[in-house]
Protein backbone atom coordinates (compact mmCIF):
# COMPACT_ATOMS: atom_id res chain seq x y z
CA MET A 1 -16.13 15.49 -14.63
CA TYR A 2 -13.17 14.52 -16.77
CA ARG A 3 -10.27 12.08 -16.87
CA ARG A 4 -6.56 12.69 -17.44
CA ASN A 5 -4.25 10.47 -19.48
CA LEU A 6 -0.75 10.28 -18.04
CA ARG A 7 2.07 10.42 -20.54
CA HIS A 8 5.83 10.65 -20.34
CA SER A 9 7.18 14.16 -20.65
CA ARG A 10 10.37 16.10 -20.10
CA VAL A 11 9.16 17.37 -16.75
CA LYS A 12 7.34 14.34 -15.34
CA ASN A 13 8.33 10.75 -14.75
CA ILE A 14 5.73 8.00 -14.97
CA PHE A 15 5.89 5.06 -12.57
CA LYS A 16 4.17 1.68 -12.94
CA PHE A 17 2.99 -0.34 -9.93
CA VAL A 18 1.85 -3.94 -10.48
CA SER A 19 -1.15 -4.49 -8.22
CA SER A 20 -2.12 -8.06 -7.41
CA LYS A 21 -5.10 -6.72 -5.45
CA MET A 22 -6.52 -5.04 -8.56
CA ASN A 23 -4.96 -7.45 -11.08
CA LYS A 24 -3.70 -4.51 -13.13
CA VAL A 25 -0.89 -1.98 -13.43
CA LEU A 26 -1.41 1.34 -11.64
CA THR A 27 0.18 4.32 -13.40
CA VAL A 28 1.32 7.20 -11.18
CA GLU A 29 3.38 10.33 -11.75
CA SER A 30 5.78 10.56 -8.80
CA ARG A 31 8.00 8.37 -6.68
CA LEU A 32 5.99 9.39 -3.62
CA GLU A 33 2.76 8.19 -5.25
CA PHE A 34 4.53 4.96 -6.17
CA ASP A 35 5.48 4.42 -2.52
CA THR A 36 1.88 5.14 -1.54
CA CYS A 37 0.79 2.19 -3.68
CA PHE A 38 2.55 -0.25 -1.35
CA HIS A 39 0.45 0.92 1.61
CA LEU A 40 -2.79 0.76 -0.37
CA GLU A 41 -1.94 -2.65 -1.82
CA TYR A 42 -1.34 -4.32 1.54
CA SER A 43 -3.96 -2.60 3.69
CA PRO A 44 -6.59 -5.23 4.60
CA ASP A 45 -9.21 -2.47 4.89
CA ILE A 46 -8.79 -1.27 1.30
CA SER A 47 -10.66 -3.33 -1.29
CA PHE A 48 -10.31 -1.08 -4.34
CA ILE A 49 -7.59 1.19 -5.75
CA GLU A 50 -7.72 3.43 -8.81
CA ALA A 51 -4.85 5.74 -9.75
CA GLN A 52 -5.67 9.03 -11.50
CA PRO A 53 -9.45 8.53 -11.23
CA GLU A 54 -12.10 10.72 -12.79
CA GLY A 55 -11.58 14.32 -11.72
CA PHE A 56 -13.85 17.28 -11.20
CA ILE A 57 -14.05 21.05 -11.62
CA TYR A 58 -13.71 23.24 -8.52
CA PRO A 59 -14.17 26.98 -8.00
CA PHE A 60 -11.13 29.00 -6.93
CA GLN A 61 -10.65 32.78 -7.02
CA ASP A 62 -13.45 33.41 -9.51
CA LYS A 63 -12.24 30.61 -11.79
CA HIS A 64 -13.34 27.04 -12.42
CA LEU A 65 -10.30 24.79 -12.45
CA PRO A 66 -9.85 21.08 -13.27
CA TYR A 67 -8.56 18.67 -10.62
CA THR A 68 -7.65 14.99 -10.68
CA PRO A 69 -7.00 13.22 -7.36
CA ASP A 70 -4.04 10.87 -7.16
CA PHE A 71 -6.12 7.90 -5.99
CA LEU A 72 -9.67 6.73 -5.49
CA ILE A 73 -9.96 3.96 -2.90
CA ILE A 74 -12.66 2.02 -1.12
CA ASP A 75 -11.69 1.85 2.54
CA LYS A 76 -13.95 -0.29 4.74
CA GLY A 77 -16.69 0.12 2.16
CA GLU A 78 -16.33 3.92 1.93
CA ARG A 79 -15.14 5.73 -1.21
CA LYS A 80 -12.30 8.18 -0.56
CA LEU A 81 -10.07 10.39 -2.68
CA ILE A 82 -6.38 10.79 -1.88
CA GLU A 83 -4.03 13.64 -2.71
CA VAL A 84 -0.31 12.83 -2.31
CA LYS A 85 2.13 15.70 -1.87
CA PRO A 86 5.58 16.31 -0.34
CA PHE A 87 5.10 17.88 3.08
CA LYS A 88 7.10 20.98 2.16
CA LYS A 89 4.71 21.81 -0.69
CA THR A 90 1.68 21.52 1.60
CA GLN A 91 2.96 24.36 3.76
CA SER A 92 2.52 27.10 1.16
CA PRO A 93 -0.54 29.34 1.65
CA GLU A 94 -1.53 28.92 -2.01
CA PHE A 95 -1.55 25.12 -1.77
CA GLN A 96 -3.61 25.22 1.42
CA GLN A 97 -6.16 27.55 -0.15
CA ARG A 98 -6.41 25.43 -3.29
CA PHE A 99 -6.68 22.20 -1.32
CA SER A 100 -9.44 23.66 0.86
CA ALA A 101 -11.37 24.54 -2.29
CA LYS A 102 -10.84 21.05 -3.74
CA LYS A 103 -11.87 19.40 -0.47
CA ALA A 104 -15.02 21.51 -0.26
CA GLN A 105 -16.00 20.51 -3.80
CA ALA A 106 -15.31 16.83 -3.05
CA ASP A 107 -17.58 17.14 0.00
CA ASN A 108 -20.31 18.34 -2.36
CA PHE A 109 -19.99 14.96 -4.10
CA ASP A 110 -20.19 13.19 -0.70
CA ILE A 111 -16.68 11.78 -0.98
CA PRO A 112 -13.88 12.85 1.39
CA LEU A 113 -10.58 14.14 -0.01
CA ILE A 114 -7.61 13.18 2.17
CA LEU A 115 -4.13 14.69 2.04
CA VAL A 116 -1.13 12.45 2.76
CA THR A 117 2.58 13.29 2.71
CA GLU A 118 5.85 11.41 3.09
CA LYS A 119 5.35 11.71 6.85
CA GLN A 120 2.64 9.05 6.58
CA ILE A 121 4.07 7.17 3.59
CA ARG A 122 7.82 6.86 4.08
CA VAL A 123 7.70 5.30 7.52
CA ASN A 124 10.08 2.45 8.21
CA PRO A 125 10.37 -0.41 8.81
CA ILE A 126 6.82 -0.59 7.42
CA LEU A 127 7.54 0.70 3.90
CA ASN A 128 10.67 -1.45 3.52
CA ASN A 129 8.67 -4.49 4.62
CA LEU A 130 5.87 -3.75 2.16
CA LYS A 131 8.38 -3.42 -0.68
CA LEU A 132 9.93 -6.73 0.34
CA LEU A 133 6.53 -8.44 0.38
CA HIS A 134 5.73 -7.02 -3.04
CA ARG A 135 8.60 -9.01 -4.53
CA TYR A 136 6.63 -12.12 -3.61
CA SER A 137 3.23 -10.89 -4.78
CA GLY A 138 1.35 -13.26 -7.04
CA PHE A 139 2.42 -16.30 -5.01
CA GLN A 140 -0.23 -18.94 -5.65
CA SER A 141 1.05 -22.51 -5.46
CA PHE A 142 2.00 -24.29 -2.26
CA THR A 143 5.05 -26.52 -2.03
CA PRO A 144 5.60 -29.10 0.74
CA LEU A 145 7.89 -26.50 2.34
CA HIS A 146 5.14 -23.91 2.54
CA LEU A 147 2.70 -26.46 3.96
CA SER A 148 5.26 -27.52 6.58
CA PHE A 149 5.72 -23.90 7.64
CA LEU A 150 1.95 -23.39 7.94
CA LYS A 151 1.56 -26.60 9.91
CA LEU A 152 4.24 -25.52 12.36
CA VAL A 153 2.64 -22.11 12.88
CA LYS A 154 -0.81 -23.63 13.39
CA ARG A 155 0.59 -26.04 15.97
CA TYR A 156 2.20 -23.33 18.11
CA LYS A 157 -0.18 -20.44 17.22
CA GLN A 158 2.85 -18.22 16.53
CA ILE A 159 6.56 -18.78 15.99
CA LYS A 160 9.70 -16.90 15.03
CA VAL A 161 10.84 -17.44 11.46
CA LYS A 162 14.09 -18.95 12.74
CA ASP A 163 12.12 -21.73 14.50
CA PHE A 164 11.40 -23.12 11.05
CA ILE A 165 15.13 -23.69 10.50
CA THR A 166 15.55 -26.14 13.37
CA SER A 167 12.16 -27.77 12.91
CA CYS A 168 12.42 -28.49 9.18
CA HIS A 169 16.21 -28.33 8.72
CA VAL A 170 16.23 -25.57 6.09
CA GLU A 171 18.72 -22.82 5.40
CA GLN A 172 18.19 -19.33 6.80
CA ASN A 173 17.45 -17.67 3.46
CA VAL A 174 14.95 -20.41 2.60
CA ALA A 175 13.11 -19.87 5.88
CA VAL A 176 12.85 -16.11 5.30
CA LYS A 177 11.75 -16.49 1.65
CA THR A 178 9.11 -19.05 2.63
CA ALA A 179 7.78 -16.74 5.33
CA LEU A 180 7.70 -13.78 2.92
CA ALA A 181 5.73 -15.73 0.33
CA LEU A 182 3.15 -16.81 2.92
CA ILE A 183 2.85 -13.31 4.43
CA SER A 184 2.48 -11.76 0.98
CA SER A 185 -0.30 -14.21 0.13
CA GLY A 186 -2.15 -13.42 3.38
CA MET A 187 -1.75 -16.91 4.81
CA LEU A 188 0.55 -15.65 7.58
CA HIS A 189 0.76 -12.34 9.40
CA THR A 190 3.50 -10.38 11.14
CA ASN A 191 3.91 -6.98 12.78
CA LEU A 192 5.25 -4.88 9.91
CA SER A 193 5.98 -1.92 12.18
CA ALA A 194 8.05 -3.83 14.74
CA GLN A 195 11.14 -4.56 12.65
CA GLU A 196 12.23 -5.46 9.14
CA ILE A 197 11.16 -9.00 8.33
CA SER A 198 13.94 -11.37 9.38
CA LEU A 199 14.66 -14.60 11.22
CA ASP A 200 13.55 -12.93 14.47
CA SER A 201 10.15 -11.88 13.12
CA ILE A 202 7.12 -13.43 14.81
CA VAL A 203 4.47 -14.85 12.45
CA TRP A 204 0.97 -16.19 13.04
CA CYS A 205 -2.00 -17.46 11.04
CA SER A 206 -5.25 -15.68 10.28
CA GLY A 207 -7.52 -15.65 13.29
CA HIS A 208 -4.65 -15.57 15.79
CA GLU A 209 -3.34 -12.29 17.18
CA GLU A 210 0.23 -11.82 18.28
CA LEU A 211 0.55 -12.96 21.89
């Protein structure tokens, strides 16, 4: 077992993701890994995220090679390792052979190694919505406006964001920003795969599914 230290270099860019879930900054080494962070951050099933976790040695072609996964997560109580790669790179025979060897060694440690590509990560409108929510991460204090929005949603079980405009006489951008802050905090929910969050988005409180 060993652990890498990521540093800036001429050939690699380092990206920083501020995680409210982990209350720390996650350091990753590609834009694709950075985009993966948004999915991990806002998945309700994932309770723990570690970037560049402790790696291991795996056998490959009569050698013993070091490997560091891109992420260690706890998903529904189960520890999992994640390897993030552009889809094109995963199609080479060498990568597939190496990944099979890494996966087999991870299985020896009773922890699954999962491969994800941009085909799972860069899916919109979900990714755009997650990035939008991230701008409002860290929201903690409620204003009378937020409480009014929550009260309206609880009364009708679910509403469109634009219903808040007529009910509380607020401007369109204020209604959307209020909804984003409440969704980011987990107080409200919306279907992130249906459309980009807007005035027409349907929102509901915890415990109520979309009708």
